[in-house]
């Protein structure tokens, strides 16, 4: 059997509200464009040489009913006015032959910006530790150049996709963010 290594990926997000929890999740997936697929959660490695493409471009490459692998973060609440956020952080090394890392972060009380930055820091940290480097993200962030310098020869750029939402009385609210892989 040959290995399944994605060559492309896209980021998406969504939110939904409904009196039923499952229906609120379904509405969020619809908004994100990935409801017609059979979703399989995978862990957090961004494959070497995997190209990040737009959601629109990625959706054109998929067919309804297709089994789709993704890294997903989801959060739900049935409490009115409760702030929820789901975020995917992505850390990609400057060397395209090396794998990157995806982090999933879901929380209560953080804004979209706070959750997104946390997910980016977490992705960079997790990538560094898989490479055997332990560090404090605040010490290796280069504000001027907008990247993390993990070591002399490993530079990592990060990004995130984050969905925030507020709970509504009498309804479930679900937020998700995902990195969807395309073989």
N, C-alpha and C. Protein backbone atom coordinates (compact mmCIF):
# COMPACT_ATOMS: atom_id res chain seq x y z
N UNK A 1 0.84 -1.18 0.00
CA UNK A 1 0.00 0.00 0.00
C UNK A 1 0.89 1.24 0.00
N UNK A 2 0.58 2.18 -0.84
CA UNK A 2 1.38 3.40 -0.90
C UNK A 2 0.94 4.39 0.17
N UNK A 3 1.86 5.24 0.54
CA UNK A 3 1.59 6.25 1.57
C UNK A 3 0.68 7.34 1.02
N UNK A 4 -0.17 7.83 1.88
CA UNK A 4 -1.03 8.96 1.52
C UNK A 4 -0.36 10.21 2.06
N UNK A 5 0.24 11.00 1.16
CA UNK A 5 0.89 12.24 1.57
C UNK A 5 0.23 13.37 0.80
N UNK A 6 -0.47 14.25 1.50
CA UNK A 6 -1.15 15.36 0.82
C UNK A 6 -0.15 16.27 0.10
N UNK A 7 -0.55 16.73 -1.07
CA UNK A 7 0.27 17.67 -1.84
C UNK A 7 -0.25 19.09 -1.73
N UNK A 8 -1.51 19.23 -1.28
CA UNK A 8 -2.13 20.55 -1.14
C UNK A 8 -2.97 20.58 0.13
N UNK A 9 -3.20 21.77 0.61
CA UNK A 9 -4.05 21.96 1.78
C UNK A 9 -4.68 23.35 1.71
N UNK A 10 -5.83 23.49 2.35
CA UNK A 10 -6.44 24.82 2.48
C UNK A 10 -7.00 24.99 3.88
N UNK A 11 -7.17 26.24 4.26
CA UNK A 11 -7.70 26.59 5.58
C UNK A 11 -9.14 27.06 5.42
N UNK A 12 -9.97 26.71 6.40
CA UNK A 12 -11.36 27.14 6.38
C UNK A 12 -11.87 27.28 7.80
N UNK A 13 -13.01 27.94 7.94
CA UNK A 13 -13.61 28.14 9.27
C UNK A 13 -15.10 28.36 9.10
N UNK A 14 -15.82 28.26 10.23
CA UNK A 14 -17.26 28.52 10.18
C UNK A 14 -17.85 28.54 11.57
N UNK A 15 -19.08 29.03 11.63
CA UNK A 15 -19.82 29.03 12.89
C UNK A 15 -21.29 28.76 12.57
N UNK A 16 -21.98 28.18 13.55
CA UNK A 16 -23.39 27.89 13.37
C UNK A 16 -24.13 27.94 14.68
N UNK A 17 -25.43 28.21 14.60
CA UNK A 17 -26.28 28.22 15.79
C UNK A 17 -27.57 27.48 15.49
N UNK A 18 -27.97 26.64 16.44
CA UNK A 18 -29.19 25.85 16.29
C UNK A 18 -29.57 25.31 17.67
N UNK A 19 -30.82 24.94 17.85
CA UNK A 19 -31.24 24.39 19.15
C UNK A 19 -30.61 23.03 19.42
N UNK A 20 -30.19 22.34 18.37
CA UNK A 20 -29.51 21.05 18.51
C UNK A 20 -28.01 21.24 18.29
N UNK A 21 -27.19 20.62 19.15
CA UNK A 21 -25.74 20.76 19.06
C UNK A 21 -25.21 20.25 17.72
N UNK A 22 -25.65 19.07 17.30
CA UNK A 22 -25.18 18.50 16.03
C UNK A 22 -25.53 19.40 14.85
N UNK A 23 -26.73 19.94 14.87
CA UNK A 23 -27.16 20.83 13.78
C UNK A 23 -26.33 22.12 13.76
N UNK A 24 -25.93 22.62 14.93
CA UNK A 24 -25.10 23.83 14.94
C UNK A 24 -23.73 23.53 14.34
N UNK A 25 -23.19 22.33 14.60
CA UNK A 25 -21.92 21.93 14.00
C UNK A 25 -22.07 21.79 12.48
N UNK A 26 -23.15 21.16 12.04
CA UNK A 26 -23.41 21.01 10.61
C UNK A 26 -23.49 22.37 9.91
N UNK A 27 -24.18 23.32 10.52
CA UNK A 27 -24.30 24.66 9.94
C UNK A 27 -22.93 25.34 9.84
N UNK A 28 -22.08 25.12 10.85
CA UNK A 28 -20.72 25.67 10.82
C UNK A 28 -19.93 25.05 9.66
N UNK A 29 -20.04 23.72 9.51
CA UNK A 29 -19.34 23.05 8.40
C UNK A 29 -19.84 23.55 7.05
N UNK A 30 -21.12 23.79 6.93
CA UNK A 30 -21.68 24.33 5.68
C UNK A 30 -21.07 25.68 5.37
N UNK A 31 -21.01 26.54 6.37
CA UNK A 31 -20.44 27.87 6.17
C UNK A 31 -18.97 27.76 5.73
N UNK A 32 -18.27 26.79 6.28
CA UNK A 32 -16.87 26.57 5.92
C UNK A 32 -16.69 25.82 4.61
N UNK A 33 -17.78 25.31 4.03
CA UNK A 33 -17.71 24.65 2.74
C UNK A 33 -17.36 23.18 2.77
N UNK A 34 -17.27 22.58 3.97
CA UNK A 34 -16.80 21.18 4.03
C UNK A 34 -17.86 20.21 4.53
N UNK A 35 -19.11 20.61 4.58
CA UNK A 35 -20.18 19.72 5.05
C UNK A 35 -20.42 18.51 4.14
N UNK A 36 -20.23 18.59 2.81
CA UNK A 36 -20.56 17.42 1.98
C UNK A 36 -19.49 16.32 1.93
N UNK A 37 -18.49 16.39 2.81
CA UNK A 37 -17.42 15.41 2.78
C UNK A 37 -17.42 14.56 4.05
N UNK A 38 -16.82 13.38 3.97
CA UNK A 38 -16.63 12.52 5.13
C UNK A 38 -15.30 12.89 5.76
N UNK A 39 -15.37 13.53 6.90
CA UNK A 39 -14.20 14.13 7.53
C UNK A 39 -13.50 13.16 8.48
N UNK A 40 -12.19 13.06 8.34
CA UNK A 40 -11.38 12.20 9.18
C UNK A 40 -10.31 13.06 9.84
N UNK A 41 -10.36 13.13 11.18
CA UNK A 41 -9.37 13.91 11.93
C UNK A 41 -8.02 13.22 11.90
N UNK A 42 -6.99 14.01 11.67
CA UNK A 42 -5.62 13.50 11.75
C UNK A 42 -4.82 14.40 12.68
N UNK A 43 -3.61 13.96 13.01
CA UNK A 43 -2.78 14.76 13.90
C UNK A 43 -2.15 15.91 13.14
N UNK A 44 -1.11 16.47 13.64
CA UNK A 44 -0.75 17.84 13.34
C UNK A 44 0.46 18.10 12.45
N UNK A 45 0.86 17.16 11.61
CA UNK A 45 2.03 17.39 10.76
C UNK A 45 1.60 17.95 9.42
N UNK A 46 2.21 19.07 9.03
CA UNK A 46 1.99 19.66 7.71
C UNK A 46 3.07 19.07 6.80
N UNK A 47 2.68 18.28 5.79
CA UNK A 47 3.67 17.53 5.00
C UNK A 47 4.70 18.40 4.28
N UNK A 48 5.90 17.86 4.09
CA UNK A 48 6.92 18.57 3.30
C UNK A 48 6.37 18.82 1.88
N UNK A 49 6.73 19.94 1.32
CA UNK A 49 6.35 20.32 -0.04
C UNK A 49 4.84 20.41 -0.27
N UNK A 50 4.07 20.44 0.78
CA UNK A 50 2.62 20.60 0.66
C UNK A 50 2.34 22.07 0.37
N UNK A 51 1.53 22.33 -0.64
CA UNK A 51 1.24 23.70 -1.05
C UNK A 51 -0.06 24.17 -0.40
N UNK A 52 -0.01 25.33 0.24
CA UNK A 52 -1.19 25.93 0.82
C UNK A 52 -1.92 26.69 -0.28
N UNK A 53 -3.17 26.33 -0.53
CA UNK A 53 -3.96 26.95 -1.59
C UNK A 53 -5.20 27.61 -0.99
N UNK A 54 -5.93 28.35 -1.79
CA UNK A 54 -7.14 29.01 -1.30
C UNK A 54 -8.26 27.99 -1.07
N UNK A 55 -9.19 28.34 -0.23
CA UNK A 55 -10.34 27.48 0.03
C UNK A 55 -11.10 27.21 -1.25
N UNK A 56 -11.30 28.24 -2.05
CA UNK A 56 -12.06 28.10 -3.30
C UNK A 56 -11.38 27.10 -4.25
N UNK A 57 -10.06 27.22 -4.36
CA UNK A 57 -9.29 26.32 -5.21
C UNK A 57 -9.36 24.88 -4.67
N UNK A 58 -9.24 24.74 -3.36
CA UNK A 58 -9.27 23.42 -2.73
C UNK A 58 -10.62 22.74 -2.88
N UNK A 59 -11.70 23.47 -2.68
CA UNK A 59 -13.04 22.88 -2.78
C UNK A 59 -13.31 22.35 -4.19
N UNK A 60 -12.74 22.98 -5.20
CA UNK A 60 -12.92 22.52 -6.59
C UNK A 60 -12.28 21.15 -6.81
N UNK A 61 -11.31 20.78 -5.97
CA UNK A 61 -10.60 19.51 -6.13
C UNK A 61 -11.26 18.35 -5.37
N UNK A 62 -12.32 18.63 -4.63
CA UNK A 62 -13.00 17.62 -3.83
C UNK A 62 -14.39 17.31 -4.39
N UNK A 63 -14.86 16.08 -4.09
CA UNK A 63 -16.18 15.63 -4.56
C UNK A 63 -17.05 15.27 -3.36
N UNK A 64 -18.36 15.57 -3.42
CA UNK A 64 -19.25 15.20 -2.32
C UNK A 64 -19.12 13.71 -1.98
N UNK A 65 -19.07 13.41 -0.69
CA UNK A 65 -18.93 12.04 -0.23
C UNK A 65 -17.50 11.58 -0.08
N UNK A 66 -16.56 12.36 -0.61
CA UNK A 66 -15.14 11.99 -0.55
C UNK A 66 -14.66 11.96 0.90
N UNK A 67 -13.78 11.01 1.21
CA UNK A 67 -13.13 10.97 2.52
C UNK A 67 -12.03 12.02 2.49
N UNK A 68 -12.10 12.93 3.44
CA UNK A 68 -11.18 14.07 3.48
C UNK A 68 -10.49 14.09 4.84
N UNK A 69 -9.17 14.15 4.82
CA UNK A 69 -8.39 14.24 6.05
C UNK A 69 -8.20 15.72 6.41
N UNK A 70 -8.29 16.01 7.71
CA UNK A 70 -8.15 17.39 8.16
C UNK A 70 -7.69 17.44 9.60
N UNK A 71 -7.08 18.57 9.94
CA UNK A 71 -6.80 18.92 11.33
C UNK A 71 -7.87 19.94 11.67
N UNK A 72 -8.64 19.68 12.72
CA UNK A 72 -9.77 20.54 13.04
C UNK A 72 -9.79 20.89 14.52
N UNK A 73 -10.18 22.12 14.79
CA UNK A 73 -10.42 22.59 16.15
C UNK A 73 -11.88 23.01 16.21
N UNK A 74 -12.57 22.57 17.23
CA UNK A 74 -13.97 22.96 17.36
C UNK A 74 -14.32 23.26 18.81
N UNK A 75 -15.26 24.17 18.97
CA UNK A 75 -15.70 24.56 20.30
C UNK A 75 -17.19 24.85 20.23
N UNK A 76 -17.93 24.47 21.26
CA UNK A 76 -19.37 24.69 21.27
C UNK A 76 -19.82 25.12 22.67
N UNK A 77 -20.91 25.88 22.69
CA UNK A 77 -21.50 26.30 23.96
C UNK A 77 -23.01 26.41 23.81
N UNK A 78 -23.70 26.20 24.92
CA UNK A 78 -25.14 26.47 24.95
C UNK A 78 -25.45 27.57 25.97
N UNK A 79 -24.41 28.32 26.33
CA UNK A 79 -24.56 29.43 27.27
C UNK A 79 -24.68 30.75 26.51
N UNK A 80 -25.70 31.52 26.82
CA UNK A 80 -25.90 32.82 26.17
C UNK A 80 -24.71 33.74 26.45
N UNK A 81 -24.26 34.42 25.44
CA UNK A 81 -23.19 35.44 25.51
C UNK A 81 -21.79 34.87 25.79
N UNK A 82 -21.65 33.56 25.89
CA UNK A 82 -20.33 32.96 26.14
C UNK A 82 -19.47 33.07 24.88
N UNK A 83 -18.29 33.65 25.02
CA UNK A 83 -17.35 33.81 23.91
C UNK A 83 -16.58 32.51 23.69
N UNK A 84 -16.62 31.99 22.45
CA UNK A 84 -15.85 30.79 22.11
C UNK A 84 -14.97 31.10 20.91
N UNK A 85 -13.88 30.38 20.80
CA UNK A 85 -12.97 30.52 19.66
C UNK A 85 -12.35 29.18 19.33
N UNK A 86 -12.18 28.95 18.05
CA UNK A 86 -11.46 27.77 17.55
C UNK A 86 -10.43 28.26 16.57
N UNK A 87 -9.22 27.73 16.68
CA UNK A 87 -8.13 28.23 15.85
C UNK A 87 -7.20 27.10 15.42
N UNK A 88 -6.68 27.24 14.22
CA UNK A 88 -5.61 26.38 13.72
C UNK A 88 -4.41 27.28 13.49
N UNK A 89 -3.29 26.94 14.10
CA UNK A 89 -2.04 27.64 13.87
C UNK A 89 -1.18 26.80 12.94
N UNK A 90 -0.46 27.44 12.06
CA UNK A 90 0.38 26.74 11.09
C UNK A 90 1.79 27.30 11.15
N UNK A 91 2.76 26.42 11.32
CA UNK A 91 4.18 26.80 11.33
C UNK A 91 4.87 26.05 10.20
N UNK A 92 5.41 26.80 9.23
CA UNK A 92 6.05 26.20 8.07
C UNK A 92 7.51 26.64 8.01
N UNK A 93 8.44 25.68 8.03
CA UNK A 93 9.86 26.02 7.96
C UNK A 93 10.24 26.58 6.59
N UNK A 94 11.33 27.35 6.55
CA UNK A 94 11.81 27.92 5.30
C UNK A 94 12.28 26.84 4.33
N UNK A 95 12.67 25.68 4.81
CA UNK A 95 13.09 24.57 3.96
C UNK A 95 11.85 23.77 3.56
N UNK A 96 11.44 23.82 2.28
CA UNK A 96 10.22 23.11 1.86
C UNK A 96 10.31 21.59 1.97
N UNK A 97 11.52 21.05 2.14
CA UNK A 97 11.69 19.61 2.28
C UNK A 97 11.47 19.13 3.71
N UNK A 98 11.23 20.07 4.62
CA UNK A 98 10.98 19.71 6.01
C UNK A 98 9.49 19.90 6.32
N UNK A 99 8.98 19.03 7.18
CA UNK A 99 7.56 19.15 7.53
C UNK A 99 7.33 20.35 8.45
N UNK A 100 6.09 20.80 8.46
CA UNK A 100 5.67 21.86 9.36
C UNK A 100 4.75 21.29 10.43
N UNK A 101 4.10 22.18 11.16
CA UNK A 101 3.25 21.74 12.26
C UNK A 101 1.96 22.55 12.29
N UNK A 102 0.87 21.87 12.61
CA UNK A 102 -0.43 22.50 12.79
C UNK A 102 -0.85 22.33 14.24
N UNK A 103 -1.32 23.39 14.85
CA UNK A 103 -1.82 23.28 16.23
C UNK A 103 -3.32 23.55 16.23
N UNK A 104 -4.01 22.87 17.13
CA UNK A 104 -5.44 23.10 17.31
C UNK A 104 -5.63 23.77 18.67
N UNK A 105 -6.36 24.86 18.67
CA UNK A 105 -6.61 25.57 19.93
C UNK A 105 -8.09 25.95 19.95
N UNK A 106 -8.77 25.58 21.02
CA UNK A 106 -10.16 25.99 21.21
C UNK A 106 -10.30 26.46 22.65
N UNK A 107 -11.08 27.52 22.82
CA UNK A 107 -11.10 28.15 24.14
C UNK A 107 -12.39 28.94 24.37
N UNK A 108 -12.54 29.34 25.61
CA UNK A 108 -13.62 30.23 26.03
C UNK A 108 -12.99 31.54 26.48
N UNK A 109 -13.59 32.65 26.10
CA UNK A 109 -13.17 33.95 26.61
C UNK A 109 -12.09 34.68 25.83
N UNK A 110 -11.44 34.03 24.86
CA UNK A 110 -10.42 34.73 24.07
C UNK A 110 -11.05 35.31 22.81
N UNK A 111 -10.54 36.47 22.40
CA UNK A 111 -10.97 37.06 21.14
C UNK A 111 -10.38 36.26 19.98
N UNK A 112 -10.85 36.54 18.78
CA UNK A 112 -10.32 35.89 17.59
C UNK A 112 -8.82 36.15 17.45
N UNK A 113 -8.40 37.38 17.68
CA UNK A 113 -6.99 37.74 17.56
C UNK A 113 -6.13 37.02 18.60
N UNK A 114 -6.60 37.00 19.86
CA UNK A 114 -5.85 36.33 20.93
C UNK A 114 -5.72 34.83 20.66
N UNK A 115 -6.81 34.20 20.27
CA UNK A 115 -6.79 32.76 20.00
C UNK A 115 -5.89 32.44 18.81
N UNK A 116 -5.93 33.28 17.78
CA UNK A 116 -5.09 33.06 16.60
C UNK A 116 -3.61 33.18 16.92
N UNK A 117 -3.24 34.18 17.69
CA UNK A 117 -1.83 34.35 18.05
C UNK A 117 -1.36 33.20 18.94
N UNK A 118 -2.21 32.77 19.85
CA UNK A 118 -1.86 31.64 20.71
C UNK A 118 -1.62 30.39 19.86
N UNK A 119 -2.49 30.15 18.88
CA UNK A 119 -2.35 28.97 18.02
C UNK A 119 -1.06 29.03 17.19
N UNK A 120 -0.69 30.21 16.71
CA UNK A 120 0.57 30.36 15.97
C UNK A 120 1.77 30.08 16.85
N UNK A 121 1.78 30.66 18.04
CA UNK A 121 2.88 30.43 18.98
C UNK A 121 2.98 28.94 19.32
N UNK A 122 1.84 28.30 19.53
CA UNK A 122 1.82 26.89 19.88
C UNK A 122 2.36 26.04 18.72
N UNK A 123 1.97 26.36 17.49
CA UNK A 123 2.47 25.60 16.33
C UNK A 123 3.99 25.73 16.21
N UNK A 124 4.52 26.94 16.38
CA UNK A 124 5.97 27.15 16.30
C UNK A 124 6.68 26.40 17.42
N UNK A 125 6.12 26.45 18.62
CA UNK A 125 6.72 25.75 19.76
C UNK A 125 6.72 24.24 19.53
N UNK A 126 5.57 23.70 19.09
CA UNK A 126 5.48 22.25 18.89
C UNK A 126 6.41 21.79 17.78
N UNK A 127 6.53 22.57 16.71
CA UNK A 127 7.47 22.20 15.65
C UNK A 127 8.89 22.18 16.19
N UNK A 128 9.25 23.20 16.92
CA UNK A 128 10.61 23.28 17.47
C UNK A 128 10.91 22.09 18.39
N UNK A 129 9.95 21.72 19.24
CA UNK A 129 10.20 20.61 20.15
C UNK A 129 10.28 19.27 19.42
N UNK A 130 9.56 19.12 18.29
CA UNK A 130 9.71 17.88 17.51
C UNK A 130 11.09 17.81 16.87
N UNK A 131 11.73 18.96 16.71
CA UNK A 131 13.08 19.02 16.16
C UNK A 131 14.14 18.96 17.26
N UNK A 132 13.69 18.82 18.50
CA UNK A 132 14.63 18.72 19.62
C UNK A 132 15.10 20.06 20.16
N UNK A 133 14.41 21.14 19.79
CA UNK A 133 14.77 22.48 20.26
C UNK A 133 13.69 22.94 21.24
N UNK A 134 14.09 23.31 22.44
CA UNK A 134 13.15 23.82 23.43
C UNK A 134 13.41 25.31 23.59
N UNK A 135 12.37 26.12 23.50
CA UNK A 135 12.57 27.56 23.56
C UNK A 135 11.33 28.27 24.08
N UNK A 136 11.51 29.52 24.37
CA UNK A 136 10.42 30.42 24.74
C UNK A 136 10.08 31.21 23.47
N UNK A 137 8.83 31.10 22.98
CA UNK A 137 8.47 31.76 21.71
C UNK A 137 8.75 33.25 21.73
N UNK A 138 8.62 33.90 22.86
CA UNK A 138 8.86 35.35 22.90
C UNK A 138 10.33 35.68 22.68
N UNK A 139 11.22 34.72 22.91
CA UNK A 139 12.65 34.97 22.75
C UNK A 139 13.13 34.79 21.31
N UNK A 140 12.38 34.09 20.48
CA UNK A 140 12.86 33.81 19.13
C UNK A 140 12.02 34.49 18.04
N UNK A 141 11.03 35.27 18.43
CA UNK A 141 10.17 35.98 17.48
C UNK A 141 10.90 37.21 16.96
N UNK A 142 10.99 37.36 15.64
CA UNK A 142 11.60 38.52 15.03
C UNK A 142 10.48 39.43 14.52
N UNK A 143 10.16 40.44 15.30
CA UNK A 143 9.04 41.34 15.00
C UNK A 143 9.22 42.05 13.67
N UNK A 144 10.44 42.49 13.41
CA UNK A 144 10.73 43.24 12.18
C UNK A 144 10.54 42.37 10.93
N UNK A 145 10.99 41.12 11.00
CA UNK A 145 10.92 40.23 9.83
C UNK A 145 9.70 39.33 9.85
N UNK A 146 8.95 39.30 10.95
CA UNK A 146 7.71 38.56 11.05
C UNK A 146 7.90 37.04 10.90
N UNK A 147 8.87 36.47 11.62
CA UNK A 147 9.07 35.03 11.65
C UNK A 147 9.73 34.60 12.95
N UNK A 148 9.71 33.28 13.19
CA UNK A 148 10.40 32.69 14.33
C UNK A 148 11.73 32.13 13.84
N UNK A 149 12.80 32.38 14.57
CA UNK A 149 14.09 31.80 14.23
C UNK A 149 14.39 30.76 15.30
N UNK A 150 14.14 29.50 14.94
CA UNK A 150 14.28 28.40 15.89
C UNK A 150 15.75 28.05 16.12
N UNK A 151 16.53 28.09 15.05
CA UNK A 151 17.98 27.86 15.15
C UNK A 151 18.64 28.64 14.02
N UNK A 152 19.96 28.51 13.91
CA UNK A 152 20.68 29.26 12.86
C UNK A 152 20.18 28.94 11.46
N UNK A 153 19.73 27.70 11.24
CA UNK A 153 19.29 27.35 9.89
C UNK A 153 17.81 26.99 9.79
N UNK A 154 17.04 27.20 10.84
CA UNK A 154 15.60 26.93 10.78
C UNK A 154 14.81 28.21 11.09
N UNK A 155 14.21 28.74 10.04
CA UNK A 155 13.33 29.90 10.16
C UNK A 155 11.91 29.41 9.86
N UNK A 156 10.96 29.84 10.67
CA UNK A 156 9.59 29.37 10.55
C UNK A 156 8.64 30.56 10.40
N UNK A 157 7.80 30.50 9.40
CA UNK A 157 6.72 31.49 9.23
C UNK A 157 5.43 30.86 9.74
N UNK A 158 4.60 31.69 10.36
CA UNK A 158 3.35 31.19 10.92
C UNK A 158 2.16 31.96 10.37
N UNK A 159 1.02 31.33 10.52
CA UNK A 159 -0.25 31.97 10.21
C UNK A 159 -1.33 31.22 10.97
N UNK A 160 -2.53 31.74 10.95
CA UNK A 160 -3.63 31.05 11.62
C UNK A 160 -4.92 31.31 10.88
N UNK A 161 -5.90 30.47 11.18
CA UNK A 161 -7.28 30.72 10.79
C UNK A 161 -8.09 30.50 12.06
N UNK A 162 -8.92 31.45 12.39
CA UNK A 162 -9.63 31.43 13.67
C UNK A 162 -11.08 31.85 13.47
N UNK A 163 -11.96 31.16 14.17
CA UNK A 163 -13.37 31.53 14.17
C UNK A 163 -13.80 31.77 15.61
N UNK A 164 -14.34 32.95 15.86
CA UNK A 164 -14.89 33.28 17.17
C UNK A 164 -16.40 33.42 17.04
N UNK A 165 -17.11 33.21 18.13
CA UNK A 165 -18.56 33.35 18.14
C UNK A 165 -19.03 33.57 19.57
N UNK A 166 -20.24 34.10 19.71
CA UNK A 166 -20.85 34.27 21.04
C UNK A 166 -22.09 33.41 21.12
N UNK A 167 -22.25 32.79 22.29
CA UNK A 167 -23.41 31.95 22.52
C UNK A 167 -24.70 32.76 22.48
N UNK A 168 -25.78 32.06 22.19
CA UNK A 168 -27.09 32.68 22.08
C UNK A 168 -28.08 31.91 22.96
N UNK A 169 -28.95 32.62 23.63
CA UNK A 169 -29.93 31.98 24.53
C UNK A 169 -30.81 31.02 23.73
N UNK A 170 -30.96 29.81 24.27
CA UNK A 170 -31.83 28.82 23.65
C UNK A 170 -31.23 28.09 22.45
N UNK A 171 -29.93 28.26 22.23
CA UNK A 171 -29.31 27.62 21.07
C UNK A 171 -27.90 27.16 21.40
N UNK A 172 -27.46 26.18 20.65
CA UNK A 172 -26.05 25.79 20.68
C UNK A 172 -25.33 26.64 19.65
N UNK A 173 -24.13 27.06 20.01
CA UNK A 173 -23.27 27.80 19.09
C UNK A 173 -21.99 27.00 18.93
N UNK A 174 -21.60 26.77 17.68
CA UNK A 174 -20.38 26.01 17.39
C UNK A 174 -19.48 26.84 16.50
N UNK A 175 -18.19 26.82 16.80
CA UNK A 175 -17.17 27.47 15.95
C UNK A 175 -16.13 26.40 15.63
N UNK A 176 -15.63 26.42 14.38
CA UNK A 176 -14.56 25.50 14.03
C UNK A 176 -13.58 26.21 13.11
N UNK A 177 -12.37 25.70 13.09
CA UNK A 177 -11.33 26.11 12.13
C UNK A 177 -10.64 24.82 11.72
N UNK A 178 -10.19 24.75 10.46
CA UNK A 178 -9.61 23.50 9.97
C UNK A 178 -8.57 23.74 8.88
N UNK A 179 -7.64 22.80 8.81
CA UNK A 179 -6.72 22.68 7.68
C UNK A 179 -7.12 21.39 6.96
N UNK A 180 -7.54 21.52 5.72
CA UNK A 180 -8.05 20.40 4.95
C UNK A 180 -6.99 19.94 3.96
N UNK A 181 -6.68 18.64 3.98
CA UNK A 181 -5.65 18.08 3.11
C UNK A 181 -6.24 17.51 1.82
N UNK A 182 -5.48 17.68 0.74
CA UNK A 182 -5.86 17.14 -0.55
C UNK A 182 -4.70 16.28 -1.06
N UNK A 183 -4.96 14.98 -1.33
CA UNK A 183 -3.88 14.11 -1.78
C UNK A 183 -3.40 14.45 -3.20
